[in-house]
Each structure stands twice: as C-alpha cells, then as structure tokens.
C-alpha cells in the first residue's frame, strides 16, 4: 500500500531528492512544504478533509520555526480533533536534539544523509 507522506524541510533540493527516492521506490506519494507554517497548514487541512498523512518527515532546523515546535503543534491538533498520532519522523543533520524529539512524541529520528532503507523502516510501519 502506498503511503501518503508529507516532507517539511526548508531545503528545496533535499525535498526533491527525498520525494523522488520515495516515489521511485514505490513507497508512497509525497507532498512537500519548505516552511513549518505551510507544512502545519497542509497537515491540518488533510486531517480536516479526512485524508490525513500516514508519515511526516519533519526537519528540526527550519527557517521560521523550530521543527520541534511544529511537532508540538501537530500533536496538539491531533489531540484536539481526537485523532491518533501520525507517524512523525524528525530529520536533521545533527544528533543533539534526538532526546528532545523523543520527549515530544516523535516516532523516530533520522540523520541526514540517510538511506532509503533507513526511511523504509518508518514508512512501512
């Protein structure tokens, strides 16, 4: 089954690369946002339209928002509408926020660059 995946990362080239890798491997259909604000809006709109994402790949270091703040807002919205937790994987080039991401109810943590095999573990849940 193809998963519906949202990629939120301020690096457009990275979004394109990951989107192509996921879709080429037939793991899912992707949308991406280059800002946390737009990503959060897409996340909420898809839930409200009864077509929620299966997986969100969320960069921790966004330009206008910290990805951990976006994660908190996503979890608050899910709780508000009575929805179970979406699989949200935090993505970053460093490892220093891993513990904080886990405390805030992320479902995983990937360091850039990561392999499609590592990503497959989260998408195929």
PDB file of N, CA and C in Angstrom:
ATOM      1  N   UNK A   1       0.839  -1.182   0.000  1.00  0.00           N
ATOM      2  CA  UNK A   1       0.000   0.000   0.000  1.00  0.00           C
ATOM      3  C   UNK A   1       0.882   1.243   0.000  1.00  0.00           C
ATOM      4  N   UNK A   2       0.573   2.156  -0.900  1.00  0.00           N
ATOM      5  CA  UNK A   2       1.319   3.407  -0.946  1.00  0.00           C
ATOM      6  C   UNK A   2       0.898   4.301   0.199  1.00  0.00           C
ATOM      7  N   UNK A   3       1.889   4.863   0.860  1.00  0.00           N
ATOM      8  CA  UNK A   3       1.654   5.744   1.995  1.00  0.00           C
ATOM      9  C   UNK A   3       1.601   7.184   1.509  1.00  0.00           C
ATOM     10  N   UNK A   4       0.844   8.000   2.207  1.00  0.00           N
ATOM     11  CA  UNK A   4       0.768   9.427   1.924  1.00  0.00           C
ATOM     12  C   UNK A   4       1.760  10.121   2.849  1.00  0.00           C
ATOM     13  N   UNK A   5       2.739  10.803   2.269  1.00  0.00           N
ATOM     14  CA  UNK A   5       3.868  11.327   3.030  1.00  0.00           C
ATOM     15  C   UNK A   5       4.000  12.839   2.829  1.00  0.00           C
ATOM     16  N   UNK A   6       4.198  13.542   3.933  1.00  0.00           N
ATOM     17  CA  UNK A   6       4.454  14.985   3.912  1.00  0.00           C
ATOM     18  C   UNK A   6       5.896  15.214   4.331  1.00  0.00           C
ATOM     19  N   UNK A   7       6.638  15.942   3.506  1.00  0.00           N
ATOM     20  CA  UNK A   7       8.021  16.307   3.800  1.00  0.00           C
ATOM     21  C   UNK A   7       8.039  17.799   4.115  1.00  0.00           C
ATOM     22  N   UNK A   8       8.554  18.163   5.282  1.00  0.00           N
ATOM     23  CA  UNK A   8       8.669  19.574   5.662  1.00  0.00           C
ATOM     24  C   UNK A   8      10.146  19.864   5.895  1.00  0.00           C
ATOM     25  N   UNK A   9      10.725  20.631   4.977  1.00  0.00           N
ATOM     26  CA  UNK A   9      12.153  20.945   5.041  1.00  0.00           C
ATOM     27  C   UNK A   9      12.387  22.217   4.244  1.00  0.00           C
ATOM     28  N   UNK A  10      13.217  23.113   4.746  1.00  0.00           N
ATOM     29  CA  UNK A  10      13.455  24.375   4.059  1.00  0.00           C
ATOM     30  C   UNK A  10      14.450  24.256   2.903  1.00  0.00           C
ATOM     31  N   UNK A  11      15.036  23.097   2.709  1.00  0.00           N
ATOM     32  CA  UNK A  11      15.954  22.877   1.597  1.00  0.00           C
ATOM     33  C   UNK A  11      15.197  22.210   0.444  1.00  0.00           C
ATOM     34  N   UNK A  12      14.859  23.003  -0.571  1.00  0.00           N
ATOM     35  CA  UNK A  12      14.046  22.512  -1.690  1.00  0.00           C
ATOM     36  C   UNK A  12      14.722  21.342  -2.405  1.00  0.00           C
ATOM     37  N   UNK A  13      16.019  21.440  -2.631  1.00  0.00           N
ATOM     38  CA  UNK A  13      16.728  20.359  -3.328  1.00  0.00           C
ATOM     39  C   UNK A  13      16.633  19.050  -2.544  1.00  0.00           C
ATOM     40  N   UNK A  14      16.719  19.138  -1.220  1.00  0.00           N
ATOM     41  CA  UNK A  14      16.593  17.950  -0.364  1.00  0.00           C
ATOM     42  C   UNK A  14      15.184  17.366  -0.486  1.00  0.00           C
ATOM     43  N   UNK A  15      14.168  18.225  -0.450  1.00  0.00           N
ATOM     44  CA  UNK A  15      12.781  17.755  -0.599  1.00  0.00           C
ATOM     45  C   UNK A  15      12.595  17.021  -1.920  1.00  0.00           C
ATOM     46  N   UNK A  16      13.115  17.607  -3.006  1.00  0.00           N
ATOM     47  CA  UNK A  16      13.005  16.972  -4.319  1.00  0.00           C
ATOM     48  C   UNK A  16      13.694  15.610  -4.341  1.00  0.00           C
ATOM     49  N   UNK A  17      14.873  15.537  -3.748  1.00  0.00           N
ATOM     50  CA  UNK A  17      15.640  14.297  -3.718  1.00  0.00           C
ATOM     51  C   UNK A  17      14.899  13.206  -2.950  1.00  0.00           C
ATOM     52  N   UNK A  18      14.415  13.531  -1.774  1.00  0.00           N
ATOM     53  CA  UNK A  18      13.702  12.549  -0.951  1.00  0.00           C
ATOM     54  C   UNK A  18      12.386  12.134  -1.611  1.00  0.00           C
ATOM     55  N   UNK A  19      11.660  13.112  -2.144  1.00  0.00           N
ATOM     56  CA  UNK A  19      10.400  12.818  -2.838  1.00  0.00           C
ATOM     57  C   UNK A  19      10.637  11.837  -3.985  1.00  0.00           C
ATOM     58  N   UNK A  20      11.647  12.108  -4.794  1.00  0.00           N
ATOM     59  CA  UNK A  20      11.937  11.226  -5.923  1.00  0.00           C
ATOM     60  C   UNK A  20      12.361   9.838  -5.451  1.00  0.00           C
ATOM     61  N   UNK A  21      13.175   9.763  -4.399  1.00  0.00           N
ATOM     62  CA  UNK A  21      13.617   8.462  -3.885  1.00  0.00           C
ATOM     63  C   UNK A  21      12.434   7.649  -3.363  1.00  0.00           C
ATOM     64  N   UNK A  22      11.548   8.286  -2.633  1.00  0.00           N
ATOM     65  CA  UNK A  22      10.381   7.598  -2.072  1.00  0.00           C
ATOM     66  C   UNK A  22       9.457   7.116  -3.179  1.00  0.00           C
ATOM     67  N   UNK A  23       9.178   7.993  -4.124  1.00  0.00           N
ATOM     68  CA  UNK A  23       8.251   7.631  -5.195  1.00  0.00           C
ATOM     69  C   UNK A  23       8.869   6.620  -6.159  1.00  0.00           C
ATOM     70  N   UNK A  24      10.179   6.720  -6.429  1.00  0.00           N
ATOM     71  CA  UNK A  24      10.855   5.748  -7.303  1.00  0.00           C
ATOM     72  C   UNK A  24      10.872   4.360  -6.677  1.00  0.00           C
ATOM     73  N   UNK A  25      10.983   4.316  -5.358  1.00  0.00           N
ATOM     74  CA  UNK A  25      10.976   3.027  -4.645  1.00  0.00           C
ATOM     75  C   UNK A  25       9.553   2.530  -4.410  1.00  0.00           C
ATOM     76  N   UNK A  26       8.580   3.270  -4.911  1.00  0.00           N
ATOM     77  CA  UNK A  26       7.172   2.912  -4.787  1.00  0.00           C
ATOM     78  C   UNK A  26       6.733   2.776  -3.325  1.00  0.00           C
ATOM     79  N   UNK A  27       7.303   3.645  -2.459  1.00  0.00           N
ATOM     80  CA  UNK A  27       6.970   3.613  -1.035  1.00  0.00           C
ATOM     81  C   UNK A  27       5.800   4.512  -0.678  1.00  0.00           C
ATOM     82  N   UNK A  28       5.524   5.479  -1.512  1.00  0.00           N
ATOM     83  CA  UNK A  28       4.442   6.382  -1.186  1.00  0.00           C
ATOM     84  C   UNK A  28       4.343   7.539  -2.152  1.00  0.00           C
ATOM     85  N   UNK A  29       3.340   8.350  -1.920  1.00  0.00           N
ATOM     86  CA  UNK A  29       3.096   9.571  -2.684  1.00  0.00           C
ATOM     87  C   UNK A  29       3.415  10.739  -1.768  1.00  0.00           C
ATOM     88  N   UNK A  30       4.231  11.670  -2.251  1.00  0.00           N
ATOM     89  CA  UNK A  30       4.730  12.748  -1.401  1.00  0.00           C
ATOM     90  C   UNK A  30       4.207  14.121  -1.793  1.00  0.00           C
ATOM     91  N   UNK A  31       4.079  14.940  -0.770  1.00  0.00           N
ATOM     92  CA  UNK A  31       3.904  16.380  -0.912  1.00  0.00           C
ATOM     93  C   UNK A  31       4.990  16.987  -0.062  1.00  0.00           C
ATOM     94  N   UNK A  32       5.417  18.203  -0.402  1.00  0.00           N
ATOM     95  CA  UNK A  32       6.374  18.833   0.486  1.00  0.00           C
ATOM     96  C   UNK A  32       6.095  20.303   0.667  1.00  0.00           C
ATOM     97  N   UNK A  33       6.597  20.794   1.777  1.00  0.00           N
ATOM     98  CA  UNK A  33       6.493  22.192   2.145  1.00  0.00           C
ATOM     99  C   UNK A  33       7.877  22.665   2.565  1.00  0.00           C
ATOM    100  N   UNK A  34       8.206  23.886   2.194  1.00  0.00           N
ATOM    101  CA  UNK A  34       9.515  24.447   2.552  1.00  0.00           C
ATOM    102  C   UNK A  34       9.467  25.286   3.814  1.00  0.00           C
ATOM    103  N   UNK A  35       8.287  25.376   4.441  1.00  0.00           N
ATOM    104  CA  UNK A  35       8.175  26.122   5.696  1.00  0.00           C
ATOM    105  C   UNK A  35       7.353  25.327   6.701  1.00  0.00           C
ATOM    106  N   UNK A  36       7.629  25.566   7.966  1.00  0.00           N
ATOM    107  CA  UNK A  36       6.851  24.925   9.014  1.00  0.00           C
ATOM    108  C   UNK A  36       5.411  25.398   9.026  1.00  0.00           C
ATOM    109  N   UNK A  37       5.198  26.684   8.741  1.00  0.00           N
ATOM    110  CA  UNK A  37       3.842  27.244   8.735  1.00  0.00           C
ATOM    111  C   UNK A  37       2.988  26.567   7.665  1.00  0.00           C
ATOM    112  N   UNK A  38       3.520  26.459   6.449  1.00  0.00           N
ATOM    113  CA  UNK A  38       2.770  25.826   5.365  1.00  0.00           C
ATOM    114  C   UNK A  38       2.615  24.329   5.615  1.00  0.00           C
ATOM    115  N   UNK A  39       3.660  23.705   6.141  1.00  0.00           N
ATOM    116  CA  UNK A  39       3.576  22.275   6.446  1.00  0.00           C
ATOM    117  C   UNK A  39       2.497  21.977   7.468  1.00  0.00           C
ATOM    118  N   UNK A  40       2.430  22.803   8.504  1.00  0.00           N
ATOM    119  CA  UNK A  40       1.399  22.633   9.534  1.00  0.00           C
ATOM    120  C   UNK A  40       0.011  22.848   8.935  1.00  0.00           C
ATOM    121  N   UNK A  41      -0.120  23.832   8.057  1.00  0.00           N
ATOM    122  CA  UNK A  41      -1.411  24.096   7.397  1.00  0.00           C
ATOM    123  C   UNK A  41      -1.833  22.900   6.532  1.00  0.00           C
ATOM    124  N   UNK A  42      -0.897  22.316   5.777  1.00  0.00           N
ATOM    125  CA  UNK A  42      -1.214  21.132   4.966  1.00  0.00           C
ATOM    126  C   UNK A  42      -1.617  19.957   5.861  1.00  0.00           C
ATOM    127  N   UNK A  43      -0.882  19.764   6.932  1.00  0.00           N
ATOM    128  CA  UNK A  43      -1.156  18.687   7.882  1.00  0.00           C
ATOM    129  C   UNK A  43      -2.583  18.803   8.422  1.00  0.00           C
ATOM    130  N   UNK A  44      -2.946  20.002   8.880  1.00  0.00           N
ATOM    131  CA  UNK A  44      -4.286  20.226   9.442  1.00  0.00           C
ATOM    132  C   UNK A  44      -5.372  20.084   8.385  1.00  0.00           C
ATOM    133  N   UNK A  45      -5.144  20.659   7.209  1.00  0.00           N
ATOM    134  CA  UNK A  45      -6.151  20.606   6.139  1.00  0.00           C
ATOM    135  C   UNK A  45      -6.432  19.170   5.709  1.00  0.00           C
ATOM    136  N   UNK A  46      -5.399  18.353   5.624  1.00  0.00           N
ATOM    137  CA  UNK A  46      -5.603  16.973   5.216  1.00  0.00           C
ATOM    138  C   UNK A  46      -6.369  16.179   6.267  1.00  0.00           C
ATOM    139  N   UNK A  47      -6.135  16.473   7.531  1.00  0.00           N
ATOM    140  CA  UNK A  47      -6.911  15.818   8.589  1.00  0.00           C
ATOM    141  C   UNK A  47      -8.367  16.267   8.519  1.00  0.00           C
ATOM    142  N   UNK A  48      -8.580  17.561   8.365  1.00  0.00           N
ATOM    143  CA  UNK A  48      -9.948  18.093   8.305  1.00  0.00           C
ATOM    144  C   UNK A  48     -10.712  17.566   7.098  1.00  0.00           C
ATOM    145  N   UNK A  49     -10.000  17.231   6.023  1.00  0.00           N
ATOM    146  CA  UNK A  49     -10.641  16.692   4.824  1.00  0.00           C
ATOM    147  C   UNK A  49     -10.666  15.163   4.811  1.00  0.00           C
ATOM    148  N   UNK A  50     -10.363  14.567   5.957  1.00  0.00           N
ATOM    149  CA  UNK A  50     -10.387  13.105   6.141  1.00  0.00           C
ATOM    150  C   UNK A  50      -9.414  12.360   5.227  1.00  0.00           C
ATOM    151  N   UNK A  51      -8.305  13.012   4.896  1.00  0.00           N
ATOM    152  CA  UNK A  51      -7.257  12.358   4.108  1.00  0.00           C
ATOM    153  C   UNK A  51      -5.894  12.631   4.771  1.00  0.00           C
ATOM    154  N   UNK A  52      -5.745  12.197   6.021  1.00  0.00           N
ATOM    155  CA  UNK A  52      -4.513  12.509   6.754  1.00  0.00           C
ATOM    156  C   UNK A  52      -3.282  11.836   6.145  1.00  0.00           C
ATOM    157  N   UNK A  53      -2.152  12.430   6.425  1.00  0.00           N
ATOM    158  CA  UNK A  53      -0.883  11.823   6.015  1.00  0.00           C
ATOM    159  C   UNK A  53      -0.616  10.602   6.875  1.00  0.00           C
ATOM    160  N   UNK A  54       0.061   9.622   6.283  1.00  0.00           N
ATOM    161  CA  UNK A  54       0.486   8.439   7.025  1.00  0.00           C
ATOM    162  C   UNK A  54       1.806   8.706   7.746  1.00  0.00           C
ATOM    163  N   UNK A  55       2.667   9.491   7.099  1.00  0.00           N
ATOM    164  CA  UNK A  55       4.001   9.765   7.624  1.00  0.00           C
ATOM    165  C   UNK A  55       4.357  11.218   7.337  1.00  0.00           C
ATOM    166  N   UNK A  56       5.012  11.861   8.318  1.00  0.00           N
ATOM    167  CA  UNK A  56       5.553  13.207   8.131  1.00  0.00           C
ATOM    168  C   UNK A  56       7.051  13.139   8.403  1.00  0.00           C
ATOM    169  N   UNK A  57       7.841  13.646   7.457  1.00  0.00           N
ATOM    170  CA  UNK A  57       9.279  13.815   7.646  1.00  0.00           C
ATOM    171  C   UNK A  57       9.488  15.287   7.941  1.00  0.00           C
ATOM    172  N   UNK A  58       9.885  15.607   9.152  1.00  0.00           N
ATOM    173  CA  UNK A  58       9.931  16.988   9.632  1.00  0.00           C
ATOM    174  C   UNK A  58      11.347  17.385  10.026  1.00  0.00           C
ATOM    175  N   UNK A  59      11.907  18.341   9.292  1.00  0.00           N
ATOM    176  CA  UNK A  59      13.238  18.843   9.608  1.00  0.00           C
ATOM    177  C   UNK A  59      13.190  19.627  10.915  1.00  0.00           C
ATOM    178  N   UNK A  60      14.183  19.453  11.735  1.00  0.00           N
ATOM    179  CA  UNK A  60      14.225  20.179  13.006  1.00  0.00           C
ATOM    180  C   UNK A  60      14.620  21.638  12.800  1.00  0.00           C
ATOM    181  N   UNK A  61      15.506  21.891  11.848  1.00  0.00           N
ATOM    182  CA  UNK A  61      16.025  23.248  11.659  1.00  0.00           C
ATOM    183  C   UNK A  61      15.366  23.921  10.462  1.00  0.00           C
ATOM    184  N   UNK A  62      14.219  24.511  10.701  1.00  0.00           N
ATOM    185  CA  UNK A  62      13.503  25.263   9.678  1.00  0.00           C
ATOM    186  C   UNK A  62      13.829  26.747   9.843  1.00  0.00           C
ATOM    187  N   UNK A  63      13.608  27.524   8.798  1.00  0.00           N
ATOM    188  CA  UNK A  63      13.960  28.942   8.862  1.00  0.00           C
ATOM    189  C   UNK A  63      13.143  29.726   9.875  1.00  0.00           C
ATOM    190  N   UNK A  64      11.824  29.629   9.796  1.00  0.00           N
ATOM    191  CA  UNK A  64      10.973  30.495  10.623  1.00  0.00           C
ATOM    192  C   UNK A  64      10.477  29.828  11.899  1.00  0.00           C
ATOM    193  N   UNK A  65      10.556  28.524  11.978  1.00  0.00           N
ATOM    194  CA  UNK A  65      10.114  27.778  13.158  1.00  0.00           C
ATOM    195  C   UNK A  65      11.101  26.652  13.435  1.00  0.00           C
ATOM    196  N   UNK A  66      11.202  26.287  14.667  1.00  0.00           N
ATOM    197  CA  UNK A  66      11.921  25.089  15.035  1.00  0.00           C
ATOM    198  C   UNK A  66      10.987  23.913  14.749  1.00  0.00           C
ATOM    199  N   UNK A  67      11.503  22.860  14.143  1.00  0.00           N
ATOM    200  CA  UNK A  67      10.678  21.701  13.834  1.00  0.00           C
ATOM    201  C   UNK A  67      10.047  21.063  15.062  1.00  0.00           C
ATOM    202  N   UNK A  68      10.697  21.185  16.212  1.00  0.00           N
ATOM    203  CA  UNK A  68      10.121  20.637  17.442  1.00  0.00           C
ATOM    204  C   UNK A  68       8.855  21.393  17.833  1.00  0.00           C
ATOM    205  N   UNK A  69       8.823  22.691  17.565  1.00  0.00           N
ATOM    206  CA  UNK A  69       7.613  23.481  17.815  1.00  0.00           C
ATOM    207  C   UNK A  69       6.492  23.045  16.875  1.00  0.00           C
ATOM    208  N   UNK A  70       6.833  22.798  15.620  1.00  0.00           N
ATOM    209  CA  UNK A  70       5.840  22.314  14.656  1.00  0.00           C
ATOM    210  C   UNK A  70       5.319  20.952  15.096  1.00  0.00           C
ATOM    211  N   UNK A  71       6.198  20.077  15.557  1.00  0.00           N
ATOM    212  CA  UNK A  71       5.790  18.769  16.084  1.00  0.00           C
ATOM    213  C   UNK A  71       4.785  18.932  17.219  1.00  0.00           C
ATOM    214  N   UNK A  72       5.084  19.823  18.152  1.00  0.00           N
ATOM    215  CA  UNK A  72       4.165  20.073  19.274  1.00  0.00           C
ATOM    216  C   UNK A  72       2.791  20.510  18.770  1.00  0.00           C
ATOM    217  N   UNK A  73       2.778  21.409  17.800  1.00  0.00           N
ATOM    218  CA  UNK A  73       1.503  21.906  17.263  1.00  0.00           C
ATOM    219  C   UNK A  73       0.733  20.811  16.529  1.00  0.00           C
ATOM    220  N   UNK A  74       1.440  19.938  15.851  1.00  0.00           N
ATOM    221  CA  UNK A  74       0.780  18.810  15.177  1.00  0.00           C
ATOM    222  C   UNK A  74       0.135  17.882  16.195  1.00  0.00           C
ATOM    223  N   UNK A  75       0.859  17.555  17.256  1.00  0.00           N
ATOM    224  CA  UNK A  75       0.316  16.672  18.282  1.00  0.00           C
ATOM    225  C   UNK A  75      -0.872  17.322  19.000  1.00  0.00           C
ATOM    226  N   UNK A  76      -0.789  18.625  19.254  1.00  0.00           N
ATOM    227  CA  UNK A  76      -1.907  19.339  19.881  1.00  0.00           C
ATOM    228  C   UNK A  76      -3.149  19.284  18.990  1.00  0.00           C
ATOM    229  N   UNK A  77      -2.957  19.461  17.677  1.00  0.00           N
ATOM    230  CA  UNK A  77      -4.088  19.426  16.758  1.00  0.00           C
ATOM    231  C   UNK A  77      -4.705  18.032  16.694  1.00  0.00           C
ATOM    232  N   UNK A  78      -3.875  17.014  16.638  1.00  0.00           N
ATOM    233  CA  UNK A  78      -4.393  15.636  16.626  1.00  0.00           C
ATOM    234  C   UNK A  78      -5.230  15.371  17.867  1.00  0.00           C
ATOM    235  N   UNK A  79      -4.745  15.821  18.997  1.00  0.00           N
ATOM    236  CA  UNK A  79      -5.486  15.629  20.247  1.00  0.00           C
ATOM    237  C   UNK A  79      -6.804  16.394  20.220  1.00  0.00           C
ATOM    238  N   UNK A  80      -6.762  17.611  19.725  1.00  0.00           N
ATOM    239  CA  UNK A  80      -7.961  18.452  19.667  1.00  0.00           C
ATOM    240  C   UNK A  80      -9.070  17.808  18.831  1.00  0.00           C
ATOM    241  N   UNK A  81      -8.696  17.180  17.718  1.00  0.00           N
ATOM    242  CA  UNK A  81      -9.704  16.580  16.840  1.00  0.00           C
ATOM    243  C   UNK A  81      -9.951  15.108  17.151  1.00  0.00           C
ATOM    244  N   UNK A  82      -9.267  14.584  18.170  1.00  0.00           N
ATOM    245  CA  UNK A  82      -9.487  13.203  18.582  1.00  0.00           C
ATOM    246  C   UNK A  82      -8.900  12.170  17.645  1.00  0.00           C
ATOM    247  N   UNK A  83      -7.814  12.536  17.006  1.00  0.00           N
ATOM    248  CA  UNK A  83      -7.161  11.630  16.062  1.00  0.00           C
ATOM    249  C   UNK A  83      -5.940  10.993  16.717  1.00  0.00           C
ATOM    250  N   UNK A  84      -5.666   9.754  16.361  1.00  0.00           N
ATOM    251  CA  UNK A  84      -4.448   9.102  16.839  1.00  0.00           C
ATOM    252  C   UNK A  84      -3.219   9.756  16.245  1.00  0.00           C
ATOM    253  N   UNK A  85      -2.065   9.422  16.777  1.00  0.00           N
ATOM    254  CA  UNK A  85      -0.824  10.045  16.335  1.00  0.00           C
ATOM    255  C   UNK A  85      -0.383   9.574  14.954  1.00  0.00           C
ATOM    256  N   UNK A  86      -0.105  10.541  14.097  1.00  0.00           N
ATOM    257  CA  UNK A  86       0.521  10.294  12.807  1.00  0.00           C
ATOM    258  C   UNK A  86       1.981   9.927  13.067  1.00  0.00           C
ATOM    259  N   UNK A  87       2.564   9.097  12.221  1.00  0.00           N
ATOM    260  CA  UNK A  87       3.989   8.803  12.321  1.00  0.00           C
ATOM    261  C   UNK A  87       4.763  10.039  11.883  1.00  0.00           C
ATOM    262  N   UNK A  88       5.472  10.658  12.824  1.00  0.00           N
ATOM    263  CA  UNK A  88       6.259  11.858  12.531  1.00  0.00           C
ATOM    264  C   UNK A  88       7.720  11.548  12.834  1.00  0.00           C
ATOM    265  N   UNK A  89       8.540  11.640  11.795  1.00  0.00           N
ATOM    266  CA  UNK A  89       9.960  11.350  11.886  1.00  0.00           C
ATOM    267  C   UNK A  89      10.721  12.668  11.804  1.00  0.00           C
ATOM    268  N   UNK A  90      11.519  12.938  12.821  1.00  0.00           N
ATOM    269  CA  UNK A  90      12.333  14.152  12.834  1.00  0.00           C
ATOM    270  C   UNK A  90      13.595  13.897  12.012  1.00  0.00           C
ATOM    271  N   UNK A  91      13.965  14.887  11.210  1.00  0.00           N
ATOM    272  CA  UNK A  91      15.106  14.764  10.317  1.00  0.00           C
ATOM    273  C   UNK A  91      16.045  15.938  10.570  1.00  0.00           C
ATOM    274  N   UNK A  92      17.343  15.655  10.658  1.00  0.00           N
ATOM    275  CA  UNK A  92      18.309  16.735  10.878  1.00  0.00           C
ATOM    276  C   UNK A  92      19.708  16.282  10.507  1.00  0.00           C
ATOM    277  N   UNK A  93      20.589  17.230  10.402  1.00  0.00           N
ATOM    278  CA  UNK A  93      21.987  16.935  10.120  1.00  0.00           C
ATOM    279  C   UNK A  93      22.811  16.753  11.377  1.00  0.00           C
ATOM    280  N   UNK A  94      22.206  16.925  12.547  1.00  0.00           N
ATOM    281  CA  UNK A  94      22.923  16.768  13.811  1.00  0.00           C
ATOM    282  C   UNK A  94      22.182  15.783  14.699  1.00  0.00           C
ATOM    283  N   UNK A  95      22.821  15.355  15.771  1.00  0.00           N
ATOM    284  CA  UNK A  95      22.179  14.398  16.675  1.00  0.00           C
ATOM    285  C   UNK A  95      21.816  15.003  18.021  1.00  0.00           C
ATOM    286  N   UNK A  96      22.109  16.259  18.231  1.00  0.00           N
ATOM    287  CA  UNK A  96      21.941  16.825  19.566  1.00  0.00           C
ATOM    288  C   UNK A  96      20.486  16.968  20.017  1.00  0.00           C
ATOM    289  N   UNK A  97      19.523  16.956  19.111  1.00  0.00           N
ATOM    290  CA  UNK A  97      18.120  17.119  19.508  1.00  0.00           C
ATOM    291  C   UNK A  97      17.359  15.811  19.620  1.00  0.00           C
ATOM    292  N   UNK A  98      18.023  14.689  19.449  1.00  0.00           N
ATOM    293  CA  UNK A  98      17.328  13.399  19.426  1.00  0.00           C
ATOM    294  C   UNK A  98      16.517  13.158  20.691  1.00  0.00           C
ATOM    295  N   UNK A  99      17.104  13.380  21.830  1.00  0.00           N
ATOM    296  CA  UNK A  99      16.410  13.133  23.094  1.00  0.00           C
ATOM    297  C   UNK A  99      15.183  14.040  23.231  1.00  0.00           C
ATOM    298  N   UNK A 100      15.335  15.288  22.853  1.00  0.00           N
ATOM    299  CA  UNK A 100      14.211  16.232  22.924  1.00  0.00           C
ATOM    300  C   UNK A 100      13.084  15.816  21.976  1.00  0.00           C
ATOM    301  N   UNK A 101      13.434  15.361  20.786  1.00  0.00           N
ATOM    302  CA  UNK A 101      12.427  14.901  19.823  1.00  0.00           C
ATOM    303  C   UNK A 101      11.650  13.713  20.374  1.00  0.00           C
ATOM    304  N   UNK A 102      12.341  12.800  21.027  1.00  0.00           N
ATOM    305  CA  UNK A 102      11.674  11.637  21.609  1.00  0.00           C
ATOM    306  C   UNK A 102      10.733  12.048  22.738  1.00  0.00           C
ATOM    307  N   UNK A 103      11.137  13.014  23.554  1.00  0.00           N
ATOM    308  CA  UNK A 103      10.278  13.512  24.640  1.00  0.00           C
ATOM    309  C   UNK A 103       8.997  14.123  24.098  1.00  0.00           C
ATOM    310  N   UNK A 104       9.080  14.711  22.929  1.00  0.00           N
ATOM    311  CA  UNK A 104       7.936  15.422  22.349  1.00  0.00           C
ATOM    312  C   UNK A 104       7.092  14.519  21.441  1.00  0.00           C
ATOM    313  N   UNK A 105       7.223  13.241  21.588  1.00  0.00           N
ATOM    314  CA  UNK A 105       6.379  12.267  20.895  1.00  0.00           C
ATOM    315  C   UNK A 105       6.644  12.140  19.405  1.00  0.00           C
ATOM    316  N   UNK A 106       7.900  12.280  18.993  1.00  0.00           N
ATOM    317  CA  UNK A 106       8.210  11.922  17.611  1.00  0.00           C
ATOM    318  C   UNK A 106       8.275  10.400  17.560  1.00  0.00           C
ATOM    319  N   UNK A 107       8.109   9.858  16.372  1.00  0.00           N
ATOM    320  CA  UNK A 107       8.137   8.407  16.216  1.00  0.00           C
ATOM    321  C   UNK A 107       9.491   7.892  15.753  1.00  0.00           C
ATOM    322  N   UNK A 108      10.414   8.805  15.518  1.00  0.00           N
ATOM    323  CA  UNK A 108      11.733   8.400  15.075  1.00  0.00           C
ATOM    324  C   UNK A 108      12.586   9.604  14.751  1.00  0.00           C
ATOM    325  N   UNK A 109      13.810   9.311  14.388  1.00  0.00           N
ATOM    326  CA  UNK A 109      14.806  10.355  14.186  1.00  0.00           C
ATOM    327  C   UNK A 109      15.780   9.865  13.124  1.00  0.00           C
ATOM    328  N   UNK A 110      15.939  10.625  12.061  1.00  0.00           N
ATOM    329  CA  UNK A 110      16.891  10.271  11.011  1.00  0.00           C
ATOM    330  C   UNK A 110      17.909  11.387  10.845  1.00  0.00           C
ATOM    331  N   UNK A 111      19.172  10.996  10.728  1.00  0.00           N
ATOM    332  CA  UNK A 111      20.233  11.963  10.464  1.00  0.00           C
ATOM    333  C   UNK A 111      20.480  12.047   8.967  1.00  0.00           C
ATOM    334  N   UNK A 112      20.573  13.282   8.454  1.00  0.00           N
ATOM    335  CA  UNK A 112      20.934  13.483   7.054  1.00  0.00           C
ATOM    336  C   UNK A 112      22.427  13.246   6.894  1.00  0.00           C
ATOM    337  N   UNK A 113      22.853  12.641   5.841  1.00  0.00           N
ATOM    338  CA  UNK A 113      22.017  11.951   4.856  1.00  0.00           C
ATOM    339  C   UNK A 113      21.633  10.567   5.378  1.00  0.00           C
ATOM    340  N   UNK A 114      20.473  10.096   4.975  1.00  0.00           N
ATOM    341  CA  UNK A 114      20.037   8.755   5.365  1.00  0.00           C
ATOM    342  C   UNK A 114      19.729   7.961   4.110  1.00  0.00           C
ATOM    343  N   UNK A 115      19.690   6.667   4.260  1.00  0.00           N
ATOM    344  CA  UNK A 115      19.436   5.791   3.113  1.00  0.00           C
ATOM    345  C   UNK A 115      17.936   5.537   2.970  1.00  0.00           C
ATOM    346  N   UNK A 116      17.550   5.117   1.798  1.00  0.00           N
ATOM    347  CA  UNK A 116      16.149   4.761   1.558  1.00  0.00           C
ATOM    348  C   UNK A 116      15.784   3.550   2.415  1.00  0.00           C
ATOM    349  N   UNK A 117      16.750   2.692   2.717  1.00  0.00           N
ATOM    350  CA  UNK A 117      16.490   1.532   3.586  1.00  0.00           C
ATOM    351  C   UNK A 117      16.128   1.985   5.002  1.00  0.00           C
ATOM    352  N   UNK A 118      16.842   3.000   5.522  1.00  0.00           N
ATOM    353  CA  UNK A 118      16.510   3.526   6.851  1.00  0.00           C
ATOM    354  C   UNK A 118      15.115   4.129   6.852  1.00  0.00           C
ATOM    355  N   UNK A 119      14.810   4.869   5.815  1.00  0.00           N
ATOM    356  CA  UNK A 119      13.500   5.505   5.700  1.00  0.00           C
ATOM    357  C   UNK A 119      12.391   4.467   5.554  1.00  0.00           C
ATOM    358  N   UNK A 120      12.667   3.420   4.820  1.00  0.00           N
ATOM    359  CA  UNK A 120      11.681   2.348   4.596  1.00  0.00           C
ATOM    360  C   UNK A 120      11.186   1.775   5.933  1.00  0.00           C
ATOM    361  N   UNK A 121      12.060   1.684   6.919  1.00  0.00           N
ATOM    362  CA  UNK A 121      11.670   1.159   8.243  1.00  0.00           C
ATOM    363  C   UNK A 121      10.528   1.950   8.854  1.00  0.00           C
ATOM    364  N   UNK A 122      10.501   3.251   8.636  1.00  0.00           N
ATOM    365  CA  UNK A 122       9.447   4.098   9.196  1.00  0.00           C
ATOM    366  C   UNK A 122       8.203   4.152   8.296  1.00  0.00           C
ATOM    367  N   UNK A 123       8.419   4.139   7.011  1.00  0.00           N
ATOM    368  CA  UNK A 123       7.289   4.248   6.081  1.00  0.00           C
ATOM    369  C   UNK A 123       6.456   2.979   6.071  1.00  0.00           C
ATOM    370  N   UNK A 124       7.096   1.846   6.207  1.00  0.00           N
ATOM    371  CA  UNK A 124       6.386   0.566   6.132  1.00  0.00           C
ATOM    372  C   UNK A 124       5.802   0.118   7.459  1.00  0.00           C
ATOM    373  N   UNK A 125       5.704   1.009   8.428  1.00  0.00           N
ATOM    374  CA  UNK A 125       5.153   0.654   9.745  1.00  0.00           C
ATOM    375  C   UNK A 125       3.695   0.289   9.604  1.00  0.00           C
TER     376      UNK A 125
END
